[in-house]
Amino acid sequence: MFKDLSPGIKISITRSITTTFENYMNDIGWDENKFSMEKFVDEWRKYINSNSSWYDKISDDIKNNSVFHEELAAKINETIDKILSEEPTKEQMEEIEKLQKELGEEYDFSCKTEAKYVIDLLKKEIKKKQNS
């Protein structure tokens, strides 16, 4: 069923999973102990109901089909695995190293998206220090 969707809808579904996952992980501070697949899926449902154009383009018959739900679950897992396995860039690692030295703190990160989160966090911490 999923494979029969138009390429545009499949891309939009993947993008909605990616966006929601990144936002969810940022909200929990990339703390693996706080991660809940159930909460993530709830956030994704909210996102697709309020922010996605693809959701209205799929018939209710497809949306209610258990095979489609299984395929969506597989797509969610595949997308999350891809995000988590993407290595941080050399530039990200260099920037994190520089910011950590400036701040005098060390942060762990394991993927490109988490590295982006750490960079943003470090920059906020440095700005906060400079303003106090």
N, C-alpha and C. Protein backbone atom coordinates (compact mmCIF):
# COMPACT_ATOMS: atom_id res chain seq x y z
N MET A 1 0.82 -1.20 0.00
CA MET A 1 0.00 0.00 0.00
C MET A 1 0.86 1.26 0.00
N PHE A 2 1.84 1.29 0.92
CA PHE A 2 2.70 2.46 1.00
C PHE A 2 3.44 2.66 -0.32
N LYS A 3 3.93 1.55 -0.89
CA LYS A 3 4.70 1.65 -2.14
C LYS A 3 3.84 2.15 -3.29
N ASP A 4 2.51 2.03 -3.17
CA ASP A 4 1.61 2.46 -4.24
C ASP A 4 1.28 3.96 -4.17
N LEU A 5 1.69 4.62 -3.09
CA LEU A 5 1.43 6.05 -2.97
C LEU A 5 2.32 6.81 -3.95
N SER A 6 1.92 8.02 -4.28
CA SER A 6 2.73 8.83 -5.18
C SER A 6 4.06 9.19 -4.51
N PRO A 7 5.09 9.42 -5.32
CA PRO A 7 6.38 9.79 -4.75
C PRO A 7 6.30 11.03 -3.85
N GLY A 8 5.48 12.00 -4.24
CA GLY A 8 5.34 13.21 -3.45
C GLY A 8 4.77 12.94 -2.07
N ILE A 9 3.78 12.07 -2.00
CA ILE A 9 3.18 11.73 -0.71
C ILE A 9 4.18 10.95 0.14
N LYS A 10 4.92 10.02 -0.47
CA LYS A 10 5.91 9.25 0.29
C LYS A 10 7.00 10.17 0.85
N ILE A 11 7.43 11.13 0.06
CA ILE A 11 8.43 12.10 0.53
C ILE A 11 7.86 12.93 1.67
N SER A 12 6.61 13.35 1.53
CA SER A 12 5.97 14.16 2.57
C SER A 12 5.82 13.37 3.87
N ILE A 13 5.50 12.10 3.77
CA ILE A 13 5.38 11.25 4.96
C ILE A 13 6.74 11.16 5.65
N THR A 14 7.77 10.89 4.89
CA THR A 14 9.11 10.80 5.46
C THR A 14 9.52 12.11 6.10
N ARG A 15 9.24 13.21 5.43
CA ARG A 15 9.58 14.53 5.97
C ARG A 15 8.83 14.79 7.28
N SER A 16 7.56 14.38 7.35
CA SER A 16 6.79 14.60 8.57
C SER A 16 7.35 13.76 9.72
N ILE A 17 7.79 12.56 9.44
CA ILE A 17 8.41 11.71 10.46
C ILE A 17 9.71 12.36 10.94
N THR A 18 10.53 12.79 10.00
CA THR A 18 11.82 13.41 10.33
C THR A 18 11.62 14.66 11.17
N THR A 19 10.75 15.55 10.74
CA THR A 19 10.51 16.80 11.47
C THR A 19 10.01 16.53 12.87
N THR A 20 9.04 15.63 12.99
CA THR A 20 8.48 15.32 14.30
C THR A 20 9.51 14.67 15.20
N PHE A 21 10.30 13.75 14.65
CA PHE A 21 11.32 13.08 15.46
C PHE A 21 12.35 14.09 15.97
N GLU A 22 12.83 14.96 15.10
CA GLU A 22 13.81 15.96 15.51
C GLU A 22 13.23 16.87 16.59
N ASN A 23 12.01 17.34 16.39
CA ASN A 23 11.37 18.21 17.38
C ASN A 23 11.17 17.48 18.71
N TYR A 24 10.72 16.24 18.64
CA TYR A 24 10.49 15.45 19.85
C TYR A 24 11.81 15.23 20.61
N MET A 25 12.85 14.84 19.90
CA MET A 25 14.14 14.60 20.55
C MET A 25 14.71 15.89 21.14
N ASN A 26 14.54 17.00 20.45
CA ASN A 26 14.99 18.28 20.99
C ASN A 26 14.21 18.61 22.27
N ASP A 27 12.91 18.34 22.26
CA ASP A 27 12.07 18.62 23.44
C ASP A 27 12.50 17.81 24.66
N ILE A 28 12.99 16.59 24.44
CA ILE A 28 13.43 15.77 25.56
C ILE A 28 14.95 15.86 25.77
N GLY A 29 15.58 16.80 25.11
CA GLY A 29 17.01 17.03 25.29
C GLY A 29 17.88 15.88 24.83
N TRP A 30 17.39 15.12 23.86
CA TRP A 30 18.10 13.96 23.31
C TRP A 30 18.47 12.98 24.42
N ASP A 31 17.63 12.92 25.45
CA ASP A 31 17.83 11.98 26.56
C ASP A 31 17.14 10.66 26.22
N GLU A 32 17.95 9.65 25.92
CA GLU A 32 17.41 8.35 25.51
C GLU A 32 16.50 7.75 26.58
N ASN A 33 16.75 8.05 27.84
CA ASN A 33 15.92 7.52 28.92
C ASN A 33 14.52 8.11 28.92
N LYS A 34 14.36 9.27 28.33
CA LYS A 34 13.04 9.92 28.26
C LYS A 34 12.28 9.54 27.00
N PHE A 35 12.94 8.86 26.07
CA PHE A 35 12.30 8.53 24.80
C PHE A 35 11.19 7.51 25.00
N SER A 36 10.06 7.80 24.37
CA SER A 36 8.93 6.88 24.37
C SER A 36 8.38 6.84 22.95
N MET A 37 8.40 5.66 22.35
CA MET A 37 7.87 5.53 20.99
C MET A 37 6.40 5.93 20.97
N GLU A 38 5.68 5.58 22.01
CA GLU A 38 4.25 5.93 22.08
C GLU A 38 4.06 7.45 22.08
N LYS A 39 4.86 8.17 22.87
CA LYS A 39 4.74 9.63 22.91
C LYS A 39 5.16 10.24 21.56
N PHE A 40 6.22 9.67 20.97
CA PHE A 40 6.64 10.16 19.67
C PHE A 40 5.53 9.99 18.64
N VAL A 41 4.91 8.81 18.59
CA VAL A 41 3.84 8.56 17.62
C VAL A 41 2.66 9.49 17.89
N ASP A 42 2.36 9.77 19.16
CA ASP A 42 1.30 10.73 19.48
C ASP A 42 1.64 12.12 18.92
N GLU A 43 2.90 12.51 19.09
CA GLU A 43 3.34 13.81 18.56
C GLU A 43 3.24 13.82 17.03
N TRP A 44 3.60 12.71 16.41
CA TRP A 44 3.53 12.62 14.96
C TRP A 44 2.09 12.71 14.49
N ARG A 45 1.18 12.03 15.19
CA ARG A 45 -0.24 12.11 14.82
C ARG A 45 -0.75 13.55 14.90
N LYS A 46 -0.37 14.25 15.97
CA LYS A 46 -0.76 15.67 16.10
C LYS A 46 -0.21 16.48 14.93
N TYR A 47 1.06 16.22 14.61
CA TYR A 47 1.71 16.95 13.52
C TYR A 47 1.01 16.71 12.20
N ILE A 48 0.73 15.45 11.87
CA ILE A 48 0.14 15.17 10.55
C ILE A 48 -1.30 15.68 10.47
N ASN A 49 -1.98 15.76 11.59
CA ASN A 49 -3.35 16.28 11.57
C ASN A 49 -3.40 17.80 11.45
N SER A 50 -2.35 18.49 11.90
CA SER A 50 -2.40 19.95 11.85
C SER A 50 -1.43 20.58 10.86
N ASN A 51 -0.38 19.87 10.46
CA ASN A 51 0.65 20.49 9.61
C ASN A 51 0.93 19.79 8.29
N SER A 52 0.33 18.64 8.06
CA SER A 52 0.67 17.87 6.87
C SER A 52 -0.39 17.98 5.78
N SER A 53 0.08 18.19 4.58
CA SER A 53 -0.85 18.23 3.44
C SER A 53 -1.14 16.83 2.92
N TRP A 54 -0.24 15.89 3.14
CA TRP A 54 -0.40 14.55 2.59
C TRP A 54 -1.53 13.77 3.25
N TYR A 55 -1.81 14.03 4.51
CA TYR A 55 -2.77 13.23 5.26
C TYR A 55 -4.16 13.29 4.63
N ASP A 56 -4.55 14.46 4.17
CA ASP A 56 -5.87 14.61 3.54
C ASP A 56 -5.94 14.02 2.14
N LYS A 57 -4.80 13.74 1.56
CA LYS A 57 -4.75 13.19 0.20
C LYS A 57 -4.87 11.67 0.16
N ILE A 58 -4.85 11.05 1.32
CA ILE A 58 -4.96 9.59 1.40
C ILE A 58 -6.38 9.24 1.81
N SER A 59 -6.95 8.27 1.12
CA SER A 59 -8.34 7.90 1.40
C SER A 59 -8.48 7.29 2.80
N ASP A 60 -9.67 7.41 3.36
CA ASP A 60 -9.95 6.81 4.67
C ASP A 60 -9.78 5.30 4.64
N ASP A 61 -10.08 4.68 3.49
CA ASP A 61 -9.89 3.22 3.37
C ASP A 61 -8.43 2.84 3.61
N ILE A 62 -7.53 3.59 3.02
CA ILE A 62 -6.10 3.32 3.21
C ILE A 62 -5.70 3.63 4.66
N LYS A 63 -6.13 4.78 5.17
CA LYS A 63 -5.77 5.18 6.53
C LYS A 63 -6.23 4.16 7.57
N ASN A 64 -7.35 3.50 7.31
CA ASN A 64 -7.91 2.55 8.27
C ASN A 64 -7.42 1.11 8.05
N ASN A 65 -6.60 0.91 7.06
CA ASN A 65 -6.13 -0.43 6.73
C ASN A 65 -4.95 -0.83 7.62
N SER A 66 -5.03 -1.99 8.25
CA SER A 66 -3.97 -2.44 9.17
C SER A 66 -2.64 -2.66 8.45
N VAL A 67 -2.69 -3.09 7.19
CA VAL A 67 -1.46 -3.28 6.43
C VAL A 67 -0.75 -1.93 6.24
N PHE A 68 -1.52 -0.89 5.95
CA PHE A 68 -0.95 0.45 5.80
C PHE A 68 -0.29 0.88 7.11
N HIS A 69 -0.92 0.60 8.25
CA HIS A 69 -0.35 0.96 9.54
C HIS A 69 0.95 0.21 9.80
N GLU A 70 1.01 -1.04 9.42
CA GLU A 70 2.25 -1.82 9.56
C GLU A 70 3.35 -1.23 8.70
N GLU A 71 3.00 -0.85 7.48
CA GLU A 71 3.98 -0.26 6.57
C GLU A 71 4.45 1.11 7.07
N LEU A 72 3.52 1.88 7.66
CA LEU A 72 3.90 3.17 8.24
C LEU A 72 4.85 2.96 9.42
N ALA A 73 4.56 1.97 10.25
CA ALA A 73 5.43 1.67 11.39
C ALA A 73 6.84 1.32 10.91
N ALA A 74 6.91 0.53 9.84
CA ALA A 74 8.22 0.18 9.27
C ALA A 74 8.92 1.43 8.74
N LYS A 75 8.16 2.33 8.10
CA LYS A 75 8.74 3.57 7.57
C LYS A 75 9.23 4.46 8.70
N ILE A 76 8.48 4.52 9.79
CA ILE A 76 8.92 5.30 10.96
C ILE A 76 10.24 4.75 11.47
N ASN A 77 10.31 3.44 11.66
CA ASN A 77 11.55 2.83 12.17
C ASN A 77 12.72 3.05 11.22
N GLU A 78 12.46 2.90 9.94
CA GLU A 78 13.51 3.11 8.93
C GLU A 78 14.02 4.55 8.96
N THR A 79 13.10 5.50 9.06
CA THR A 79 13.47 6.92 9.07
C THR A 79 14.26 7.27 10.32
N ILE A 80 13.82 6.78 11.47
CA ILE A 80 14.53 7.04 12.73
C ILE A 80 15.92 6.42 12.67
N ASP A 81 16.01 5.19 12.19
CA ASP A 81 17.32 4.53 12.07
C ASP A 81 18.26 5.34 11.18
N LYS A 82 17.72 5.86 10.09
CA LYS A 82 18.55 6.66 9.17
C LYS A 82 19.06 7.93 9.87
N ILE A 83 18.17 8.60 10.60
CA ILE A 83 18.57 9.82 11.32
C ILE A 83 19.67 9.50 12.32
N LEU A 84 19.47 8.44 13.10
CA LEU A 84 20.40 8.10 14.17
C LEU A 84 21.73 7.57 13.66
N SER A 85 21.77 7.09 12.44
CA SER A 85 23.01 6.53 11.91
C SER A 85 23.80 7.52 11.06
N GLU A 86 23.25 8.70 10.84
CA GLU A 86 23.96 9.69 10.03
C GLU A 86 25.03 10.38 10.89
N GLU A 87 26.27 10.18 10.51
CA GLU A 87 27.41 10.71 11.27
C GLU A 87 27.42 12.23 11.28
N PRO A 88 27.85 12.83 12.40
CA PRO A 88 28.03 14.29 12.43
C PRO A 88 29.08 14.68 11.39
N THR A 89 28.93 15.88 10.85
CA THR A 89 29.91 16.35 9.87
C THR A 89 31.18 16.78 10.58
N LYS A 90 32.24 16.85 9.82
CA LYS A 90 33.52 17.32 10.36
C LYS A 90 33.35 18.75 10.90
N GLU A 91 32.61 19.57 10.17
CA GLU A 91 32.38 20.95 10.58
C GLU A 91 31.62 21.00 11.91
N GLN A 92 30.61 20.14 12.06
CA GLN A 92 29.86 20.10 13.31
C GLN A 92 30.77 19.71 14.47
N MET A 93 31.58 18.69 14.27
CA MET A 93 32.46 18.23 15.34
C MET A 93 33.46 19.32 15.73
N GLU A 94 34.00 20.02 14.74
CA GLU A 94 34.93 21.11 15.02
C GLU A 94 34.25 22.24 15.77
N GLU A 95 33.03 22.59 15.35
CA GLU A 95 32.31 23.66 16.02
C GLU A 95 31.95 23.29 17.45
N ILE A 96 31.52 22.05 17.66
CA ILE A 96 31.21 21.60 19.02
C ILE A 96 32.45 21.65 19.90
N GLU A 97 33.58 21.19 19.37
CA GLU A 97 34.82 21.21 20.13
C GLU A 97 35.18 22.64 20.53
N LYS A 98 35.06 23.56 19.59
CA LYS A 98 35.38 24.97 19.86
C LYS A 98 34.43 25.55 20.92
N LEU A 99 33.13 25.28 20.77
CA LEU A 99 32.14 25.82 21.71
C LEU A 99 32.30 25.19 23.10
N GLN A 100 32.62 23.91 23.15
CA GLN A 100 32.83 23.25 24.44
C GLN A 100 34.02 23.85 25.18
N LYS A 101 35.09 24.12 24.44
CA LYS A 101 36.27 24.75 25.06
C LYS A 101 35.91 26.12 25.61
N GLU A 102 35.15 26.87 24.83
CA GLU A 102 34.75 28.22 25.26
C GLU A 102 33.87 28.16 26.51
N LEU A 103 33.03 27.16 26.58
CA LEU A 103 32.09 27.03 27.70
C LEU A 103 32.69 26.27 28.87
N GLY A 104 33.69 25.44 28.59
CA GLY A 104 34.30 24.63 29.64
C GLY A 104 33.44 23.44 30.04
N GLU A 105 32.61 23.00 29.13
CA GLU A 105 31.74 21.84 29.39
C GLU A 105 31.85 20.88 28.22
N GLU A 106 31.45 19.63 28.49
CA GLU A 106 31.52 18.63 27.44
C GLU A 106 30.16 17.95 27.28
N TYR A 107 29.75 17.80 26.03
CA TYR A 107 28.47 17.17 25.71
C TYR A 107 28.70 15.98 24.79
N ASP A 108 27.91 14.94 25.00
CA ASP A 108 27.95 13.78 24.13
C ASP A 108 26.95 13.95 23.00
N PHE A 109 27.29 13.41 21.85
CA PHE A 109 26.38 13.40 20.71
C PHE A 109 26.79 12.25 19.81
N SER A 110 25.83 11.70 19.08
CA SER A 110 26.18 10.53 18.29
C SER A 110 25.76 10.59 16.83
N CYS A 111 24.94 11.57 16.47
CA CYS A 111 24.51 11.65 15.08
C CYS A 111 24.46 13.11 14.64
N LYS A 112 24.29 13.30 13.37
CA LYS A 112 24.30 14.64 12.78
C LYS A 112 23.20 15.53 13.38
N THR A 113 22.02 14.98 13.55
CA THR A 113 20.90 15.77 14.07
C THR A 113 21.11 16.13 15.54
N GLU A 114 21.64 15.20 16.30
CA GLU A 114 21.93 15.49 17.71
C GLU A 114 23.06 16.52 17.80
N ALA A 115 24.03 16.44 16.90
CA ALA A 115 25.12 17.42 16.89
C ALA A 115 24.56 18.82 16.64
N LYS A 116 23.59 18.94 15.76
CA LYS A 116 22.94 20.24 15.51
C LYS A 116 22.30 20.75 16.80
N TYR A 117 21.62 19.86 17.51
CA TYR A 117 21.00 20.22 18.78
C TYR A 117 22.06 20.69 19.78
N VAL A 118 23.17 19.97 19.88
CA VAL A 118 24.23 20.32 20.82
C VAL A 118 24.84 21.68 20.47
N ILE A 119 25.05 21.94 19.20
CA ILE A 119 25.58 23.24 18.77
C ILE A 119 24.63 24.36 19.21
N ASP A 120 23.35 24.19 18.94
CA ASP A 120 22.37 25.20 19.34
C ASP A 120 22.37 25.39 20.85
N LEU A 121 22.43 24.29 21.59
CA LEU A 121 22.43 24.34 23.05
C LEU A 121 23.67 25.06 23.57
N LEU A 122 24.83 24.73 23.03
CA LEU A 122 26.07 25.37 23.45
C LEU A 122 26.05 26.87 23.14
N LYS A 123 25.55 27.23 21.98
CA LYS A 123 25.48 28.66 21.63
C LYS A 123 24.55 29.41 22.58
N LYS A 124 23.44 28.79 22.95
CA LYS A 124 22.52 29.42 23.92
C LYS A 124 23.19 29.58 25.27
N GLU A 125 23.93 28.56 25.70
CA GLU A 125 24.62 28.62 26.99
C GLU A 125 25.68 29.72 26.99
N ILE A 126 26.41 29.84 25.90
CA ILE A 126 27.45 30.89 25.80
C ILE A 126 26.79 32.26 25.81
N LYS A 127 25.70 32.41 25.08
CA LYS A 127 24.99 33.70 25.04
C LYS A 127 24.47 34.05 26.43
N LYS A 128 23.94 33.05 27.13
CA LYS A 128 23.42 33.27 28.48
C LYS A 128 24.53 33.74 29.41
N LYS A 129 25.71 33.10 29.29
CA LYS A 129 26.86 33.48 30.12
C LYS A 129 27.31 34.91 29.82
N GLN A 130 27.29 35.27 28.53
CA GLN A 130 27.74 36.60 28.13
C GLN A 130 26.77 37.68 28.60
N ASN A 131 25.49 37.34 28.72
CA ASN A 131 24.48 38.31 29.13
C ASN A 131 24.31 38.41 30.65
N SER A 132 25.04 37.55 31.40
CA SER A 132 24.85 37.64 32.85
C SER A 132 25.98 38.35 33.53
